[in-house]
């Protein structure tokens, strides 16, 4: 594992996090195994400790490792999130990867919708309508985006399928961590209003049992996201 890492165009901390992931695989570390201390990783990878610290923070956020106060960092219990995360190398932030992740996100929500339409009770949609009402207020772009994510998260949860929920969490963490223009984009009032209209219409379609229309609208709502990447 001891080889210098050049400062490439991609964020150095992401490159380091990839190297640490590879180290975990090469060493066949199991859940509960302890990682080398920060200083040792810094020396082995020939990078500064702040870079290592940031890389470890990425891995912790993604659910691959966990911090035990006073004891260090340990490999987390292997689960669906970790297996799927191996398919999303954090340093691979090209447009094609982002596009494919958005498409997969749509497939997950489409699968959730299919289940929801057959089992939903109208009162279960009320918290989602309230989120839409909050998004209509005088709020910042970051808060608007947070509410958008929260609405979709709660929609997935209505499927009562823990695997769909877990995969969605991994993808949401991926979107939250990567550095791309969509995150910091300033939203126009027209874009906000369009998003609100689509959210409200989506819930109306679900309530009315119009599955085809709901899926078509969901595709229209989600898939254009990557065009700004």
C-alpha atoms as a PDB file:
ATOM      1  CA  UNK A   1       0.000   0.000   0.000  1.00  0.00           C
ATOM      2  CA  UNK A   2       3.021   2.270   0.299  1.00  0.00           C
ATOM      3  CA  UNK A   3       3.090   4.357  -2.864  1.00  0.00           C
ATOM      4  CA  UNK A   4       2.934   8.124  -3.396  1.00  0.00           C
ATOM      5  CA  UNK A   5      -0.286   9.635  -4.638  1.00  0.00           C
ATOM      6  CA  UNK A   6      -0.048  12.571  -7.018  1.00  0.00           C
ATOM      7  CA  UNK A   7      -2.477  15.430  -6.753  1.00  0.00           C
ATOM      8  CA  UNK A   8      -4.610  14.745  -9.825  1.00  0.00           C
ATOM      9  CA  UNK A   9      -7.610  16.710 -11.054  1.00  0.00           C
ATOM     10  CA  UNK A  10      -9.901  14.622  -8.871  1.00  0.00           C
ATOM     11  CA  UNK A  11     -10.045  15.426  -5.210  1.00  0.00           C
ATOM     12  CA  UNK A  12      -7.075  13.872  -3.423  1.00  0.00           C
ATOM     13  CA  UNK A  13      -9.179  12.780  -0.497  1.00  0.00           C
ATOM     14  CA  UNK A  14     -11.376  10.712  -2.819  1.00  0.00           C
ATOM     15  CA  UNK A  15      -8.301   9.013  -4.280  1.00  0.00           C
ATOM     16  CA  UNK A  16      -7.105   8.240  -0.771  1.00  0.00           C
ATOM     17  CA  UNK A  17     -10.502   6.857   0.225  1.00  0.00           C
ATOM     18  CA  UNK A  18     -10.330   4.532  -2.795  1.00  0.00           C
ATOM     19  CA  UNK A  19      -6.866   3.379  -1.711  1.00  0.00           C
ATOM     20  CA  UNK A  20      -8.094   2.694   1.812  1.00  0.00           C
ATOM     21  CA  UNK A  21     -11.031   0.719   0.425  1.00  0.00           C
ATOM     22  CA  UNK A  22      -8.616  -1.317  -1.692  1.00  0.00           C
ATOM     23  CA  UNK A  23      -6.447  -1.898   1.374  1.00  0.00           C
ATOM     24  CA  UNK A  24      -9.476  -3.232   3.260  1.00  0.00           C
ATOM     25  CA  UNK A  25     -10.150  -5.642   0.383  1.00  0.00           C
ATOM     26  CA  UNK A  26      -6.508  -6.717  -0.024  1.00  0.00           C
ATOM     27  CA  UNK A  27      -6.157  -7.363   3.703  1.00  0.00           C
ATOM     28  CA  UNK A  28      -9.511  -9.176   3.756  1.00  0.00           C
ATOM     29  CA  UNK A  29     -10.632  -7.093   6.707  1.00  0.00           C
ATOM     30  CA  UNK A  30     -13.810  -8.352   8.325  1.00  0.00           C
ATOM     31  CA  UNK A  31     -16.504  -6.455  10.247  1.00  0.00           C
ATOM     32  CA  UNK A  32     -15.030  -5.452  13.586  1.00  0.00           C
ATOM     33  CA  UNK A  33     -11.425  -5.401  12.336  1.00  0.00           C
ATOM     34  CA  UNK A  34      -9.513  -2.261  13.195  1.00  0.00           C
ATOM     35  CA  UNK A  35      -8.000   0.022  10.578  1.00  0.00           C
ATOM     36  CA  UNK A  36      -4.437   1.323  10.938  1.00  0.00           C
ATOM     37  CA  UNK A  37      -4.281   4.617  12.837  1.00  0.00           C
ATOM     38  CA  UNK A  38      -4.427   7.897  10.978  1.00  0.00           C
ATOM     39  CA  UNK A  39      -0.679   8.504  11.294  1.00  0.00           C
ATOM     40  CA  UNK A  40       0.167   5.088   9.803  1.00  0.00           C
ATOM     41  CA  UNK A  41      -2.194   5.624   6.879  1.00  0.00           C
ATOM     42  CA  UNK A  42      -0.707   9.052   6.259  1.00  0.00           C
ATOM     43  CA  UNK A  43       2.808   7.622   6.086  1.00  0.00           C
ATOM     44  CA  UNK A  44       1.814   4.612   3.988  1.00  0.00           C
ATOM     45  CA  UNK A  45      -0.065   6.706   1.439  1.00  0.00           C
ATOM     46  CA  UNK A  46       2.429   9.584   1.459  1.00  0.00           C
ATOM     47  CA  UNK A  47      -0.234  12.223   2.053  1.00  0.00           C
ATOM     48  CA  UNK A  48      -0.962  14.630   4.878  1.00  0.00           C
ATOM     49  CA  UNK A  49      -3.041  13.629   7.872  1.00  0.00           C
ATOM     50  CA  UNK A  50      -5.815  16.150   7.035  1.00  0.00           C
ATOM     51  CA  UNK A  51      -6.254  14.422   3.665  1.00  0.00           C
ATOM     52  CA  UNK A  52      -6.420  11.012   5.370  1.00  0.00           C
ATOM     53  CA  UNK A  53      -8.864  12.410   7.924  1.00  0.00           C
ATOM     54  CA  UNK A  54     -11.155  13.685   5.161  1.00  0.00           C
ATOM     55  CA  UNK A  55     -10.910  10.371   3.276  1.00  0.00           C
ATOM     56  CA  UNK A  56     -11.849   8.449   6.421  1.00  0.00           C
ATOM     57  CA  UNK A  57     -14.763  10.819   6.929  1.00  0.00           C
ATOM     58  CA  UNK A  58     -16.012   9.952   3.430  1.00  0.00           C
ATOM     59  CA  UNK A  59     -15.843   6.229   4.207  1.00  0.00           C
ATOM     60  CA  UNK A  60     -17.589   6.736   7.536  1.00  0.00           C
ATOM     61  CA  UNK A  61     -20.393   8.722   5.905  1.00  0.00           C
ATOM     62  CA  UNK A  62     -20.796   6.006   3.291  1.00  0.00           C
ATOM     63  CA  UNK A  63     -21.196   3.407   6.014  1.00  0.00           C
ATOM     64  CA  UNK A  64     -18.027   1.413   5.350  1.00  0.00           C
ATOM     65  CA  UNK A  65     -16.295   2.160   8.636  1.00  0.00           C
ATOM     66  CA  UNK A  66     -17.311   3.390  12.079  1.00  0.00           C
ATOM     67  CA  UNK A  67     -15.530   5.308  14.817  1.00  0.00           C
ATOM     68  CA  UNK A  68     -15.304   3.923  18.348  1.00  0.00           C
ATOM     69  CA  UNK A  69     -14.441   6.715  20.756  1.00  0.00           C
ATOM     70  CA  UNK A  70     -10.958   6.213  22.152  1.00  0.00           C
ATOM     71  CA  UNK A  71     -10.412   2.989  20.202  1.00  0.00           C
ATOM     72  CA  UNK A  72     -10.115   4.024  16.566  1.00  0.00           C
ATOM     73  CA  UNK A  73     -11.861   3.176  13.318  1.00  0.00           C
ATOM     74  CA  UNK A  74     -13.313  -0.233  12.547  1.00  0.00           C
ATOM     75  CA  UNK A  75     -14.837  -1.986   9.547  1.00  0.00           C
ATOM     76  CA  UNK A  76     -18.632  -1.918   9.796  1.00  0.00           C
ATOM     77  CA  UNK A  77     -20.878  -4.939   9.546  1.00  0.00           C
ATOM     78  CA  UNK A  78     -21.226  -5.945   5.901  1.00  0.00           C
ATOM     79  CA  UNK A  79     -24.649  -5.181   4.522  1.00  0.00           C
ATOM     80  CA  UNK A  80     -26.427  -4.276   1.324  1.00  0.00           C
ATOM     81  CA  UNK A  81     -25.253  -0.668   1.592  1.00  0.00           C
ATOM     82  CA  UNK A  82     -21.615  -1.687   1.650  1.00  0.00           C
ATOM     83  CA  UNK A  83     -21.982  -4.118  -1.241  1.00  0.00           C
ATOM     84  CA  UNK A  84     -23.710  -1.496  -3.369  1.00  0.00           C
ATOM     85  CA  UNK A  85     -21.193   1.165  -2.366  1.00  0.00           C
ATOM     86  CA  UNK A  86     -18.462  -0.959  -3.985  1.00  0.00           C
ATOM     87  CA  UNK A  87     -20.234  -0.230  -7.279  1.00  0.00           C
ATOM     88  CA  UNK A  88     -20.010   3.527  -6.667  1.00  0.00           C
ATOM     89  CA  UNK A  89     -16.301   4.414  -6.437  1.00  0.00           C
ATOM     90  CA  UNK A  90     -16.369   7.923  -4.948  1.00  0.00           C
ATOM     91  CA  UNK A  91     -13.633   9.281  -7.185  1.00  0.00           C
ATOM     92  CA  UNK A  92     -15.507   8.327 -10.357  1.00  0.00           C
ATOM     93  CA  UNK A  93     -17.563  11.479 -10.816  1.00  0.00           C
ATOM     94  CA  UNK A  94     -17.819  11.583 -14.604  1.00  0.00           C
ATOM     95  CA  UNK A  95     -21.090  12.517 -16.253  1.00  0.00           C
ATOM     96  CA  UNK A  96     -21.811   8.967 -17.433  1.00  0.00           C
ATOM     97  CA  UNK A  97     -21.535   7.567 -13.897  1.00  0.00           C
ATOM     98  CA  UNK A  98     -23.788  10.299 -12.531  1.00  0.00           C
ATOM     99  CA  UNK A  99     -26.331   9.682 -15.314  1.00  0.00           C
ATOM    100  CA  UNK A 100     -26.402   5.946 -14.587  1.00  0.00           C
ATOM    101  CA  UNK A 101     -26.868   6.511 -10.858  1.00  0.00           C
ATOM    102  CA  UNK A 102     -29.777   8.889 -11.518  1.00  0.00           C
ATOM    103  CA  UNK A 103     -31.340   6.290 -13.825  1.00  0.00           C
ATOM    104  CA  UNK A 104     -30.943   3.599 -11.162  1.00  0.00           C
ATOM    105  CA  UNK A 105     -32.464   5.951  -8.607  1.00  0.00           C
ATOM    106  CA  UNK A 106     -35.477   6.277 -10.907  1.00  0.00           C
ATOM    107  CA  UNK A 107     -35.756   2.475 -11.194  1.00  0.00           C
ATOM    108  CA  UNK A 108     -35.779   2.145  -7.400  1.00  0.00           C
ATOM    109  CA  UNK A 109     -38.506   4.749  -7.021  1.00  0.00           C
ATOM    110  CA  UNK A 110     -40.449   3.177  -9.879  1.00  0.00           C
ATOM    111  CA  UNK A 111     -40.346  -0.189  -8.090  1.00  0.00           C
ATOM    112  CA  UNK A 112     -41.454   1.498  -4.867  1.00  0.00           C
ATOM    113  CA  UNK A 113     -44.349   3.179  -6.676  1.00  0.00           C
ATOM    114  CA  UNK A 114     -45.562  -0.155  -8.041  1.00  0.00           C
ATOM    115  CA  UNK A 115     -45.868  -1.490  -4.498  1.00  0.00           C
ATOM    116  CA  UNK A 116     -47.247   1.732  -3.027  1.00  0.00           C
ATOM    117  CA  UNK A 117     -50.061   1.966  -5.584  1.00  0.00           C
ATOM    118  CA  UNK A 118     -51.386  -1.420  -4.455  1.00  0.00           C
ATOM    119  CA  UNK A 119     -51.177  -0.802  -0.718  1.00  0.00           C
ATOM    120  CA  UNK A 120     -51.387   2.939  -0.029  1.00  0.00           C
ATOM    121  CA  UNK A 121     -53.904   4.516   2.302  1.00  0.00           C
ATOM    122  CA  UNK A 122     -54.751   8.145   1.589  1.00  0.00           C
ATOM    123  CA  UNK A 123     -53.782   9.288   5.090  1.00  0.00           C
ATOM    124  CA  UNK A 124     -50.235   8.011   4.516  1.00  0.00           C
ATOM    125  CA  UNK A 125     -49.728  10.702   1.893  1.00  0.00           C
ATOM    126  CA  UNK A 126     -50.561  13.592   4.219  1.00  0.00           C
ATOM    127  CA  UNK A 127     -46.985  14.040   5.573  1.00  0.00           C
ATOM    128  CA  UNK A 128     -45.761  14.305   1.977  1.00  0.00           C
ATOM    129  CA  UNK A 129     -48.348  16.966   1.130  1.00  0.00           C
ATOM    130  CA  UNK A 130     -47.129  18.887   4.197  1.00  0.00           C
ATOM    131  CA  UNK A 131     -43.563  18.763   2.869  1.00  0.00           C
ATOM    132  CA  UNK A 132     -44.808  20.300  -0.376  1.00  0.00           C
ATOM    133  CA  UNK A 133     -46.507  23.078   1.594  1.00  0.00           C
ATOM    134  CA  UNK A 134     -43.237  23.784   3.424  1.00  0.00           C
ATOM    135  CA  UNK A 135     -41.371  23.977   0.117  1.00  0.00           C
ATOM    136  CA  UNK A 136     -43.788  26.677  -1.063  1.00  0.00           C
ATOM    137  CA  UNK A 137     -42.554  29.023   1.665  1.00  0.00           C
ATOM    138  CA  UNK A 138     -39.836  31.667   1.533  1.00  0.00           C
ATOM    139  CA  UNK A 139     -36.900  29.310   2.083  1.00  0.00           C
ATOM    140  CA  UNK A 140     -33.310  29.037   0.893  1.00  0.00           C
ATOM    141  CA  UNK A 141     -32.272  26.903  -2.064  1.00  0.00           C
ATOM    142  CA  UNK A 142     -30.494  24.469   0.249  1.00  0.00           C
ATOM    143  CA  UNK A 143     -33.633  24.040   2.365  1.00  0.00           C
ATOM    144  CA  UNK A 144     -35.729  23.570  -0.771  1.00  0.00           C
ATOM    145  CA  UNK A 145     -33.384  20.809  -1.953  1.00  0.00           C
ATOM    146  CA  UNK A 146     -33.436  19.208   1.508  1.00  0.00           C
ATOM    147  CA  UNK A 147     -37.239  19.109   1.462  1.00  0.00           C
ATOM    148  CA  UNK A 148     -37.156  17.657  -2.044  1.00  0.00           C
ATOM    149  CA  UNK A 149     -34.906  14.829  -0.841  1.00  0.00           C
ATOM    150  CA  UNK A 150     -37.055  14.307   2.244  1.00  0.00           C
ATOM    151  CA  UNK A 151     -40.210  13.935   0.163  1.00  0.00           C
ATOM    152  CA  UNK A 152     -38.628  11.285  -2.044  1.00  0.00           C
ATOM    153  CA  UNK A 153     -37.142   9.514   0.986  1.00  0.00           C
ATOM    154  CA  UNK A 154     -40.532   9.305   2.677  1.00  0.00           C
ATOM    155  CA  UNK A 155     -42.111   8.147  -0.571  1.00  0.00           C
ATOM    156  CA  UNK A 156     -39.653   5.229  -0.752  1.00  0.00           C
ATOM    157  CA  UNK A 157     -40.378   4.379   2.881  1.00  0.00           C
ATOM    158  CA  UNK A 158     -44.064   3.940   2.042  1.00  0.00           C
ATOM    159  CA  UNK A 159     -43.045   0.833   0.098  1.00  0.00           C
ATOM    160  CA  UNK A 160     -42.191  -0.817   3.448  1.00  0.00           C
ATOM    161  CA  UNK A 161     -39.307  -2.518   1.635  1.00  0.00           C
ATOM    162  CA  UNK A 162     -36.107  -2.121   3.692  1.00  0.00           C
ATOM    163  CA  UNK A 163     -33.879  -2.995   0.728  1.00  0.00           C
ATOM    164  CA  UNK A 164     -35.290  -0.225  -1.441  1.00  0.00           C
ATOM    165  CA  UNK A 165     -34.887   2.179   1.480  1.00  0.00           C
ATOM    166  CA  UNK A 166     -31.290   1.079   2.067  1.00  0.00           C
ATOM    167  CA  UNK A 167     -30.276   1.410  -1.584  1.00  0.00           C
ATOM    168  CA  UNK A 168     -31.881   4.849  -1.707  1.00  0.00           C
ATOM    169  CA  UNK A 169     -29.883   5.915   1.350  1.00  0.00           C
ATOM    170  CA  UNK A 170     -26.624   4.866  -0.326  1.00  0.00           C
ATOM    171  CA  UNK A 171     -27.481   6.820  -3.472  1.00  0.00           C
ATOM    172  CA  UNK A 172     -28.544   9.883  -1.487  1.00  0.00           C
ATOM    173  CA  UNK A 173     -25.215   9.776   0.381  1.00  0.00           C
ATOM    174  CA  UNK A 174     -23.444   9.554  -2.973  1.00  0.00           C
ATOM    175  CA  UNK A 175     -25.268  12.640  -4.223  1.00  0.00           C
ATOM    176  CA  UNK A 176     -24.609  14.486  -0.955  1.00  0.00           C
ATOM    177  CA  UNK A 177     -20.863  13.856  -1.048  1.00  0.00           C
ATOM    178  CA  UNK A 178     -19.885  14.304  -4.673  1.00  0.00           C
ATOM    179  CA  UNK A 179     -18.775  17.694  -5.894  1.00  0.00           C
ATOM    180  CA  UNK A 180     -20.952  18.626  -8.833  1.00  0.00           C
ATOM    181  CA  UNK A 181     -22.790  21.734 -10.068  1.00  0.00           C
ATOM    182  CA  UNK A 182     -26.261  20.407  -9.286  1.00  0.00           C
ATOM    183  CA  UNK A 183     -25.609  20.598  -5.553  1.00  0.00           C
ATOM    184  CA  UNK A 184     -24.846  24.298  -5.529  1.00  0.00           C
ATOM    185  CA  UNK A 185     -27.024  25.386  -8.405  1.00  0.00           C
ATOM    186  CA  UNK A 186     -29.169  28.458  -7.764  1.00  0.00           C
ATOM    187  CA  UNK A 187     -32.792  27.561  -8.383  1.00  0.00           C
ATOM    188  CA  UNK A 188     -35.003  29.951 -10.306  1.00  0.00           C
ATOM    189  CA  UNK A 189     -38.563  30.549  -9.171  1.00  0.00           C
ATOM    190  CA  UNK A 190     -39.740  28.786 -12.326  1.00  0.00           C
ATOM    191  CA  UNK A 191     -37.703  25.689 -11.425  1.00  0.00           C
ATOM    192  CA  UNK A 192     -39.058  25.696  -7.891  1.00  0.00           C
ATOM    193  CA  UNK A 193     -42.642  26.033  -9.083  1.00  0.00           C
ATOM    194  CA  UNK A 194     -42.182  23.248 -11.619  1.00  0.00           C
ATOM    195  CA  UNK A 195     -40.775  20.923  -8.954  1.00  0.00           C
ATOM    196  CA  UNK A 196     -43.646  21.745  -6.587  1.00  0.00           C
ATOM    197  CA  UNK A 197     -46.228  21.145  -9.339  1.00  0.00           C
ATOM    198  CA  UNK A 198     -44.658  17.815 -10.217  1.00  0.00           C
ATOM    199  CA  UNK A 199     -44.528  16.697  -6.586  1.00  0.00           C
ATOM    200  CA  UNK A 200     -48.157  17.611  -5.985  1.00  0.00           C
ATOM    201  CA  UNK A 201     -49.304  15.983  -9.218  1.00  0.00           C
ATOM    202  CA  UNK A 202     -47.304  12.837  -8.412  1.00  0.00           C
ATOM    203  CA  UNK A 203     -49.062  12.461  -5.069  1.00  0.00           C
ATOM    204  CA  UNK A 204     -52.414  13.131  -6.732  1.00  0.00           C
ATOM    205  CA  UNK A 205     -51.738  10.359  -9.263  1.00  0.00           C
ATOM    206  CA  UNK A 206     -50.813   7.971  -6.439  1.00  0.00           C
ATOM    207  CA  UNK A 207     -53.955   8.877  -4.506  1.00  0.00           C
ATOM    208  CA  UNK A 208     -56.090   8.349  -7.616  1.00  0.00           C
ATOM    209  CA  UNK A 209     -54.426   5.026  -8.460  1.00  0.00           C
ATOM    210  CA  UNK A 210     -53.067   6.262 -11.808  1.00  0.00           C
ATOM    211  CA  UNK A 211     -49.915   4.141 -11.826  1.00  0.00           C
ATOM    212  CA  UNK A 212     -48.894   4.746 -15.452  1.00  0.00           C
ATOM    213  CA  UNK A 213     -49.239   8.518 -15.130  1.00  0.00           C
ATOM    214  CA  UNK A 214     -47.326   8.503 -11.823  1.00  0.00           C
ATOM    215  CA  UNK A 215     -44.372   6.593 -13.298  1.00  0.00           C
ATOM    216  CA  UNK A 216     -44.316   8.763 -16.422  1.00  0.00           C
ATOM    217  CA  UNK A 217     -44.280  11.924 -14.301  1.00  0.00           C
ATOM    218  CA  UNK A 218     -41.585  10.505 -12.029  1.00  0.00           C
ATOM    219  CA  UNK A 219     -39.360   9.882 -15.047  1.00  0.00           C
ATOM    220  CA  UNK A 220     -39.977  13.421 -16.283  1.00  0.00           C
ATOM    221  CA  UNK A 221     -39.112  14.733 -12.807  1.00  0.00           C
ATOM    222  CA  UNK A 222     -35.944  12.734 -12.063  1.00  0.00           C
ATOM    223  CA  UNK A 223     -34.066  11.940 -15.264  1.00  0.00           C
ATOM    224  CA  UNK A 224     -33.274  15.536 -16.404  1.00  0.00           C
ATOM    225  CA  UNK A 225     -31.191  16.013 -13.227  1.00  0.00           C
ATOM    226  CA  UNK A 226     -27.948  14.783 -14.776  1.00  0.00           C
ATOM    227  CA  UNK A 227     -28.141  17.281 -17.656  1.00  0.00           C
ATOM    228  CA  UNK A 228     -26.686  19.959 -15.355  1.00  0.00           C
ATOM    229  CA  UNK A 229     -23.834  17.759 -14.119  1.00  0.00           C
END
